[in-house]
Amino acid sequence: MSFTIPSNEVITDALGDISQLPDDMKMAVTSRIEKSFKPIPEPEGGDWLAQHEESGQTMKSFQINLSKAAPHGT
């Protein structure tokens, strides 16, 4: 598997529409994005991303899936 660390542009695109955010948050996710998000490290041998190809996900998709999460017994 070949993993590519996402660029700042890819991260910004994944955030989606930020027009409704307060100005300080907009600045954090645009001009200071490298300080706002810890970079994904290069995966090592046993890491999930070293074994599986992932296409990434947008913030909107994350929020939709998060709201569907419910506790369940094991």
C-alpha atoms as a PDB file:
ATOM      1  CA  MET A   1       0.000   0.000   0.000  1.00  0.00           C
ATOM      2  CA  SER A   2       1.222   3.455  -0.726  1.00  0.00           C
ATOM      3  CA  PHE A   3       0.118   6.195   1.658  1.00  0.00           C
ATOM      4  CA  THR A   4       0.409   9.887   0.882  1.00  0.00           C
ATOM      5  CA  ILE A   5       0.345  12.394   3.716  1.00  0.00           C
ATOM      6  CA  PRO A   6      -2.449  14.863   2.892  1.00  0.00           C
ATOM      7  CA  SER A   7      -1.400  18.359   1.874  1.00  0.00           C
ATOM      8  CA  ASN A   8      -2.760  21.490   3.545  1.00  0.00           C
ATOM      9  CA  GLU A   9      -4.985  21.965   0.486  1.00  0.00           C
ATOM     10  CA  VAL A  10      -6.472  18.468   0.843  1.00  0.00           C
ATOM     11  CA  ILE A  11      -7.088  19.067   4.557  1.00  0.00           C
ATOM     12  CA  THR A  12      -8.713  22.445   3.859  1.00  0.00           C
ATOM     13  CA  ASP A  13     -10.954  20.901   1.169  1.00  0.00           C
ATOM     14  CA  ALA A  14     -12.019  18.172   3.606  1.00  0.00           C
ATOM     15  CA  LEU A  15     -13.180  20.813   6.089  1.00  0.00           C
ATOM     16  CA  GLY A  16     -15.814  21.965   3.615  1.00  0.00           C
ATOM     17  CA  ASP A  17     -17.671  25.270   3.905  1.00  0.00           C
ATOM     18  CA  ILE A  18     -16.129  27.303   6.702  1.00  0.00           C
ATOM     19  CA  SER A  19     -17.965  30.551   5.907  1.00  0.00           C
ATOM     20  CA  GLN A  20     -20.125  30.302   9.035  1.00  0.00           C
ATOM     21  CA  LEU A  21     -17.170  29.883  11.392  1.00  0.00           C
ATOM     22  CA  PRO A  22     -15.993  32.783  13.573  1.00  0.00           C
ATOM     23  CA  ASP A  23     -13.065  34.729  12.083  1.00  0.00           C
ATOM     24  CA  ASP A  24     -10.509  33.252  14.504  1.00  0.00           C
ATOM     25  CA  MET A  25     -11.556  29.712  13.548  1.00  0.00           C
ATOM     26  CA  LYS A  26     -11.394  30.559   9.835  1.00  0.00           C
ATOM     27  CA  MET A  27      -7.840  31.788  10.349  1.00  0.00           C
ATOM     28  CA  ALA A  28      -6.923  28.626  12.261  1.00  0.00           C
ATOM     29  CA  VAL A  29      -8.104  26.349   9.465  1.00  0.00           C
ATOM     30  CA  THR A  30      -6.682  28.372   6.583  1.00  0.00           C
ATOM     31  CA  SER A  31      -3.574  30.456   7.123  1.00  0.00           C
ATOM     32  CA  ARG A  32      -2.474  28.495  10.197  1.00  0.00           C
ATOM     33  CA  ILE A  33      -3.660  25.041   9.239  1.00  0.00           C
ATOM     34  CA  GLU A  34      -0.265  23.409   9.885  1.00  0.00           C
ATOM     35  CA  LYS A  35      -0.479  24.624  13.504  1.00  0.00           C
ATOM     36  CA  SER A  36      -4.139  23.638  13.911  1.00  0.00           C
ATOM     37  CA  PHE A  37      -3.889  20.006  12.802  1.00  0.00           C
ATOM     38  CA  LYS A  38      -1.211  17.539  13.796  1.00  0.00           C
ATOM     39  CA  PRO A  39       0.112  15.857  10.633  1.00  0.00           C
ATOM     40  CA  ILE A  40      -0.567  12.190  10.068  1.00  0.00           C
ATOM     41  CA  PRO A  41       2.735  10.365  10.522  1.00  0.00           C
ATOM     42  CA  GLU A  42       4.042   8.039   7.843  1.00  0.00           C
ATOM     43  CA  PRO A  43       2.495   4.634   8.701  1.00  0.00           C
ATOM     44  CA  GLU A  44       4.756   1.861   9.954  1.00  0.00           C
ATOM     45  CA  GLY A  45       4.552  -1.899   9.375  1.00  0.00           C
ATOM     46  CA  GLY A  46       1.625  -2.847  11.626  1.00  0.00           C
ATOM     47  CA  ASP A  47      -0.363   0.386  11.234  1.00  0.00           C
ATOM     48  CA  TRP A  48      -3.803   0.281   9.602  1.00  0.00           C
ATOM     49  CA  LEU A  49      -2.764   2.738   6.893  1.00  0.00           C
ATOM     50  CA  ALA A  50       0.250   0.586   6.051  1.00  0.00           C
ATOM     51  CA  GLN A  51      -2.091  -2.361   5.422  1.00  0.00           C
ATOM     52  CA  HIS A  52      -5.223  -0.733   3.983  1.00  0.00           C
ATOM     53  CA  GLU A  53      -5.895   1.967   1.428  1.00  0.00           C
ATOM     54  CA  GLU A  54      -8.159   4.729   2.739  1.00  0.00           C
ATOM     55  CA  SER A  55      -9.642   7.494   0.614  1.00  0.00           C
ATOM     56  CA  GLY A  56     -10.062   9.915   3.506  1.00  0.00           C
ATOM     57  CA  GLN A  57     -13.240  11.607   4.612  1.00  0.00           C
ATOM     58  CA  THR A  58     -14.713  15.073   4.764  1.00  0.00           C
ATOM     59  CA  MET A  59     -15.743  16.783   7.968  1.00  0.00           C
ATOM     60  CA  LYS A  60     -19.374  16.645   6.802  1.00  0.00           C
ATOM     61  CA  SER A  61     -19.149  12.882   6.290  1.00  0.00           C
ATOM     62  CA  PHE A  62     -17.511  12.485   9.702  1.00  0.00           C
ATOM     63  CA  GLN A  63     -20.303  14.475  11.376  1.00  0.00           C
ATOM     64  CA  ILE A  64     -23.021  12.438   9.647  1.00  0.00           C
ATOM     65  CA  ASN A  65     -21.425   9.140  10.665  1.00  0.00           C
ATOM     66  CA  LEU A  66     -20.755  10.405  14.192  1.00  0.00           C
ATOM     67  CA  SER A  67     -24.438  11.158  14.729  1.00  0.00           C
ATOM     68  CA  LYS A  68     -25.284   7.564  13.742  1.00  0.00           C
ATOM     69  CA  ALA A  69     -22.957   6.118  16.359  1.00  0.00           C
ATOM     70  CA  ALA A  70     -24.777   4.485  19.243  1.00  0.00           C
ATOM     71  CA  PRO A  71     -23.527   2.403  22.138  1.00  0.00           C
ATOM     72  CA  HIS A  72     -24.148  -1.307  21.868  1.00  0.00           C
ATOM     73  CA  GLY A  73     -23.374  -4.397  23.868  1.00  0.00           C
ATOM     74  CA  THR A  74     -20.590  -6.736  22.902  1.00  0.00           C
END
